[in-house]
Amino acid sequence: MSKTFNIAAIATMTLALAAPVHAQLLGGGLGGGLGIDGALGGATGALGVAGSVGQAVEAPVVRAPVITRPAVSLPVVSRVNTVVAVPAIVPAIPDVAVRRVAIVNAGIMPVTYADAPAYIDRQYVVLQNDLRGTGVEVIKRNNQIVLEMPADVTFAFDKHDIQPRFYGVLNAVSRTLGKYPATYVDVNGHTDAIGSYTYNQRLSEQRADAVADYLADRSVNGARMHVQGFGKTEPIASNATISGRAANRRVEIILTPYAA
């Protein structure tokens, strides 16, 4: 049995079905470029924000002199003064050339690549001797030295002012840095996971700033230093325990030879 199709009726039905979609496209001004108003997320289209294309996006706020460094995951190491073999880490900066220009302009001469390992080894020995018994851990990772300063020793609770009893430690560090000027100095603040992200981020920045300012006041050239707070984003222990949280509250000074 054959079927006869009414072409006029089909055309009428097609137009009727297409009309609402057409009206949405026109009514939304294309919803910011390619979006259909009400069909793909409301008033904004797939490429539009608040109905406009090319609207300025707010840039992240960078606190001077903080320069965001590439994320680097470091393994948890022994909490005793230890030499740990892990991959070398590039100084914590977005552009090595920027930092190199700054240190060159400061008149600081580099060591050779061949001499860099011995240069950092000598600093390691001096710092181990000077900081023994202070609560600061001196850790060597290939051609870097990490000084881990527990926040509970360095600062009062919830504060960023350096405790007077810790001045001697930073004085010893600044003396060593004065003897070995061809060394990049990264000062990084960290917190535990208690409290909000914003609060911990700010506290870590303030504590890192306080340590860097103290070193600068004792003639450590600012061109050598990079300062950053990481908040609670880089724990080295579990935040589920009291001892773990105490380990995570820290300021790290990372020393890397400036070689050429």
Protein backbone atom coordinates (compact mmCIF):
# COMPACT_ATOMS: atom_id res chain seq x y z
CA MET A 1 0.00 0.00 0.00
CA SER A 2 1.57 3.27 -1.09
CA LYS A 3 1.68 6.42 1.05
CA THR A 4 1.17 9.92 -0.24
CA PHE A 5 3.10 12.78 1.53
CA ASN A 6 1.66 16.27 1.63
CA ILE A 7 4.77 18.39 0.83
CA ALA A 8 3.08 21.64 1.82
CA ALA A 9 2.09 20.24 5.21
CA ILE A 10 5.62 18.97 5.89
CA ALA A 11 7.12 22.35 5.00
CA THR A 12 4.67 24.08 7.34
CA MET A 13 5.58 21.73 10.21
CA THR A 14 9.33 22.22 9.61
CA LEU A 15 9.02 25.99 9.76
CA ALA A 16 6.93 25.76 12.91
CA LEU A 17 9.56 23.60 14.65
CA ALA A 18 12.45 25.80 13.53
CA ALA A 19 10.82 29.06 14.61
CA PRO A 20 11.59 28.79 18.39
CA VAL A 21 15.26 27.99 17.76
CA HIS A 22 15.50 30.83 15.28
CA ALA A 23 13.89 33.17 17.78
CA GLN A 24 16.38 32.10 20.51
CA LEU A 25 19.33 32.72 18.24
CA LEU A 26 18.12 36.17 17.27
CA GLY A 27 16.78 37.11 20.70
CA GLY A 28 20.07 36.29 22.44
CA GLY A 29 22.18 38.17 19.90
CA LEU A 30 23.82 34.76 19.35
CA GLY A 31 24.44 34.54 23.09
CA GLY A 32 27.96 35.95 23.00
CA GLY A 33 29.02 34.55 19.67
CA LEU A 34 28.04 30.89 19.39
CA GLY A 35 25.73 30.19 22.33
CA ILE A 36 21.95 29.54 22.21
CA ASP A 37 20.22 31.51 24.96
CA GLY A 38 18.68 29.15 27.45
CA ALA A 39 20.05 26.02 25.78
CA LEU A 40 23.77 26.06 26.62
CA GLY A 41 24.09 27.54 30.07
CA GLY A 42 21.75 30.53 30.27
CA ALA A 43 22.56 34.04 29.26
CA THR A 44 26.14 33.38 28.19
CA GLY A 45 27.02 31.44 25.08
CA ALA A 46 29.73 28.94 24.48
CA LEU A 47 32.27 31.66 23.73
CA GLY A 48 30.66 34.73 25.28
CA VAL A 49 30.96 36.07 28.83
CA ALA A 50 28.02 38.28 29.92
CA GLY A 51 27.05 38.50 26.24
CA SER A 52 30.34 39.90 24.95
CA VAL A 53 33.36 38.54 23.14
CA GLY A 54 36.86 39.71 24.05
CA GLN A 55 35.94 41.02 27.49
CA ALA A 56 39.06 41.60 29.64
CA VAL A 57 39.82 38.77 32.07
CA GLU A 58 41.19 39.79 35.46
CA ALA A 59 44.87 38.86 35.78
CA PRO A 60 46.08 37.12 38.95
CA VAL A 61 47.49 39.47 41.53
CA VAL A 62 51.23 39.02 42.03
CA ARG A 63 52.68 40.43 45.20
CA ALA A 64 55.98 42.17 44.63
CA PRO A 65 58.64 40.88 44.82
CA VAL A 66 56.99 37.48 44.45
CA ILE A 67 57.50 35.75 41.13
CA THR A 68 55.48 32.60 40.59
CA ARG A 69 57.73 29.64 40.10
CA PRO A 70 56.98 26.45 38.23
CA ALA A 71 55.47 23.80 40.44
CA VAL A 72 58.12 21.35 41.56
CA SER A 73 57.28 18.26 43.59
CA LEU A 74 60.02 17.35 46.01
CA PRO A 75 60.07 13.97 47.72
CA VAL A 76 59.69 13.73 51.47
CA VAL A 77 63.16 13.28 52.86
CA SER A 78 64.62 12.19 56.17
CA ARG A 79 64.17 14.79 58.85
CA VAL A 80 67.84 14.47 59.78
CA ASN A 81 70.71 16.30 58.12
CA THR A 82 70.95 14.06 55.08
CA VAL A 83 72.34 13.98 51.56
CA VAL A 84 69.46 12.95 49.29
CA ALA A 85 69.88 12.03 45.62
CA VAL A 86 66.99 13.54 43.66
CA PRO A 87 66.84 15.34 40.30
CA ALA A 88 68.37 18.81 40.27
CA ILE A 89 65.94 21.70 40.42
CA VAL A 90 66.12 24.89 38.40
CA PRO A 91 65.97 28.03 40.58
CA ALA A 92 62.38 28.92 41.38
CA ILE A 93 61.68 31.54 38.74
CA PRO A 94 59.53 31.79 35.61
CA ASP A 95 62.44 32.95 33.46
CA VAL A 96 66.02 32.05 34.33
CA ALA A 97 67.27 34.87 32.12
CA VAL A 98 65.45 37.49 34.20
CA ARG A 99 67.18 36.42 37.36
CA ARG A 100 70.53 36.08 35.68
CA VAL A 101 70.32 39.65 34.37
CA ALA A 102 69.51 40.92 37.87
CA ILE A 103 72.45 39.17 39.49
CA VAL A 104 74.83 40.24 36.71
CA ASN A 105 73.69 43.85 37.09
CA ALA A 106 74.43 43.57 40.81
CA GLY A 107 78.06 42.87 39.92
CA ILE A 108 78.06 39.30 41.24
CA MET A 109 80.42 36.96 39.43
CA PRO A 110 79.36 33.35 38.77
CA VAL A 111 81.30 30.20 39.51
CA THR A 112 82.03 27.82 36.67
CA TYR A 113 79.77 24.84 36.11
CA ALA A 114 82.72 22.61 36.94
CA ASP A 115 83.26 24.35 40.29
CA ALA A 116 79.58 24.58 41.26
CA PRO A 117 79.34 21.20 43.09
CA ALA A 118 82.36 21.95 45.30
CA TYR A 119 81.08 25.49 45.87
CA ILE A 120 77.77 24.24 47.26
CA ASP A 121 79.50 21.45 49.23
CA ARG A 122 81.60 24.00 51.11
CA GLN A 123 78.49 25.95 52.07
CA TYR A 124 76.81 22.74 53.21
CA VAL A 125 79.65 21.92 55.60
CA VAL A 126 79.69 25.43 57.06
CA LEU A 127 75.92 25.57 57.53
CA GLN A 128 75.80 22.11 59.11
CA ASN A 129 78.36 23.21 61.68
CA ASP A 130 76.83 26.63 62.33
CA LEU A 131 73.22 25.44 62.61
CA ARG A 132 73.72 22.23 64.58
CA GLY A 133 71.34 22.13 67.55
CA THR A 134 69.26 25.12 66.41
CA GLY A 135 66.24 23.16 65.17
CA VAL A 136 67.03 24.04 61.54
CA GLU A 137 67.48 21.07 59.23
CA VAL A 138 70.24 21.31 56.66
CA ILE A 139 69.43 19.06 53.68
CA LYS A 140 71.52 18.63 50.55
CA ARG A 141 69.83 17.72 47.29
CA ASN A 142 72.41 17.37 44.54
CA ASN A 143 73.61 20.92 43.87
CA GLN A 144 71.14 22.56 46.23
CA ILE A 145 70.95 23.13 49.97
CA VAL A 146 67.59 23.36 51.71
CA LEU A 147 67.38 24.98 55.15
CA GLU A 148 64.09 24.01 56.78
CA MET A 149 63.18 26.40 59.56
CA PRO A 150 60.23 25.25 61.69
CA ALA A 151 57.71 28.05 62.02
CA ASP A 152 57.06 27.13 65.64
CA VAL A 153 60.69 28.00 66.42
CA THR A 154 61.05 30.95 64.07
CA PHE A 155 57.74 32.72 64.80
CA ALA A 156 55.21 33.07 67.57
CA PHE A 157 51.86 31.35 67.02
CA ASP A 158 49.87 32.97 64.22
CA LYS A 159 52.50 35.72 63.82
CA HIS A 160 55.05 36.65 61.19
CA ASP A 161 57.51 38.57 63.36
CA ILE A 162 60.76 36.63 63.80
CA GLN A 163 61.40 35.51 67.36
CA PRO A 164 64.48 37.23 68.84
CA ARG A 165 65.89 33.84 69.84
CA PHE A 166 66.12 33.00 66.14
CA TYR A 167 68.22 36.00 65.18
CA GLY A 168 71.43 34.05 65.75
CA VAL A 169 70.38 31.42 63.20
CA LEU A 170 69.68 33.99 60.50
CA ASN A 171 72.88 35.84 61.36
CA ALA A 172 74.83 32.64 60.73
CA VAL A 173 73.01 32.08 57.43
CA SER A 174 73.69 35.64 56.30
CA ARG A 175 77.40 35.30 57.14
CA THR A 176 77.67 32.18 55.00
CA LEU A 177 75.78 33.83 52.14
CA GLY A 178 78.18 36.76 52.40
CA LYS A 179 81.14 34.42 51.94
CA TYR A 180 79.53 32.66 48.98
CA PRO A 181 77.90 35.42 46.90
CA ALA A 182 77.46 33.29 43.75
CA THR A 183 74.41 31.64 45.27
CA TYR A 184 70.74 32.13 44.44
CA VAL A 185 68.58 32.39 47.56
CA ASP A 186 64.92 31.30 47.44
CA VAL A 187 62.86 31.99 50.56
CA ASN A 188 59.60 30.02 50.61
CA GLY A 189 56.88 30.15 53.26
CA HIS A 190 54.58 27.21 54.04
CA THR A 191 51.71 26.51 56.47
CA ASP A 192 49.64 23.58 57.64
CA ALA A 193 46.09 22.95 56.39
CA ILE A 194 44.26 24.47 59.36
CA GLY A 195 42.35 27.59 58.33
CA SER A 196 41.26 29.02 55.02
CA TYR A 197 43.31 29.04 51.85
CA THR A 198 43.45 32.85 51.82
CA TYR A 199 44.57 33.10 55.43
CA ASN A 200 47.32 30.51 55.06
CA GLN A 201 48.53 31.97 51.79
CA ARG A 202 48.88 35.42 53.31
CA LEU A 203 50.62 34.13 56.45
CA SER A 204 53.12 32.12 54.39
CA GLU A 205 53.94 35.21 52.32
CA GLN A 206 54.40 37.39 55.40
CA ARG A 207 56.74 34.89 57.04
CA ALA A 208 58.83 34.46 53.89
CA ASP A 209 59.03 38.24 53.56
CA ALA A 210 60.16 38.59 57.18
CA VAL A 211 63.04 36.15 56.70
CA ALA A 212 64.11 37.69 53.39
CA ASP A 213 63.99 41.20 54.86
CA TYR A 214 66.16 40.10 57.77
CA LEU A 215 68.76 38.67 55.40
CA ALA A 216 68.65 41.79 53.21
CA ASP A 217 69.23 43.96 56.29
CA ARG A 218 72.41 41.95 56.84
CA SER A 219 73.79 42.69 53.39
CA VAL A 220 72.46 39.75 51.40
CA ASN A 221 71.95 41.34 47.98
CA GLY A 222 68.27 41.43 47.00
CA ALA A 223 69.17 40.54 43.41
CA ARG A 224 70.03 37.07 44.66
CA MET A 225 66.72 36.49 46.39
CA HIS A 226 63.31 35.25 45.31
CA VAL A 227 60.50 35.29 47.88
CA GLN A 228 57.23 33.37 47.72
CA GLY A 229 54.48 31.99 49.93
CA PHE A 230 52.87 28.65 49.15
CA GLY A 231 50.26 28.53 51.90
CA LYS A 232 49.14 24.98 52.56
CA THR A 233 49.73 23.68 49.03
CA GLU A 234 53.10 21.92 49.59
CA PRO A 235 52.95 19.79 52.73
CA ILE A 236 55.88 17.53 53.59
CA ALA A 237 53.92 15.52 56.18
CA SER A 238 50.35 14.54 56.98
CA ASN A 239 48.09 17.33 58.20
CA ALA A 240 46.09 14.71 60.10
CA THR A 241 48.56 14.66 63.01
CA ILE A 242 49.94 17.31 65.34
CA SER A 243 53.53 16.46 64.45
CA GLY A 244 52.73 16.49 60.74
CA ARG A 245 51.12 19.91 60.92
CA ALA A 246 54.11 21.22 62.86
CA ALA A 247 56.46 19.96 60.12
CA ASN A 248 54.37 21.65 57.44
CA ARG A 249 54.58 25.04 59.17
CA ARG A 250 57.98 26.14 57.97
CA VAL A 251 60.11 28.57 56.01
CA GLU A 252 62.57 27.04 53.56
CA ILE A 253 65.69 28.75 52.30
CA ILE A 254 66.91 27.04 49.13
CA LEU A 255 70.46 27.76 47.99
CA THR A 256 71.49 27.12 44.38
CA PRO A 257 74.88 28.00 42.86
CA TYR A 258 74.97 30.76 40.25
CA ALA A 259 77.12 29.19 37.56
CA ALA A 260 78.11 30.14 34.04
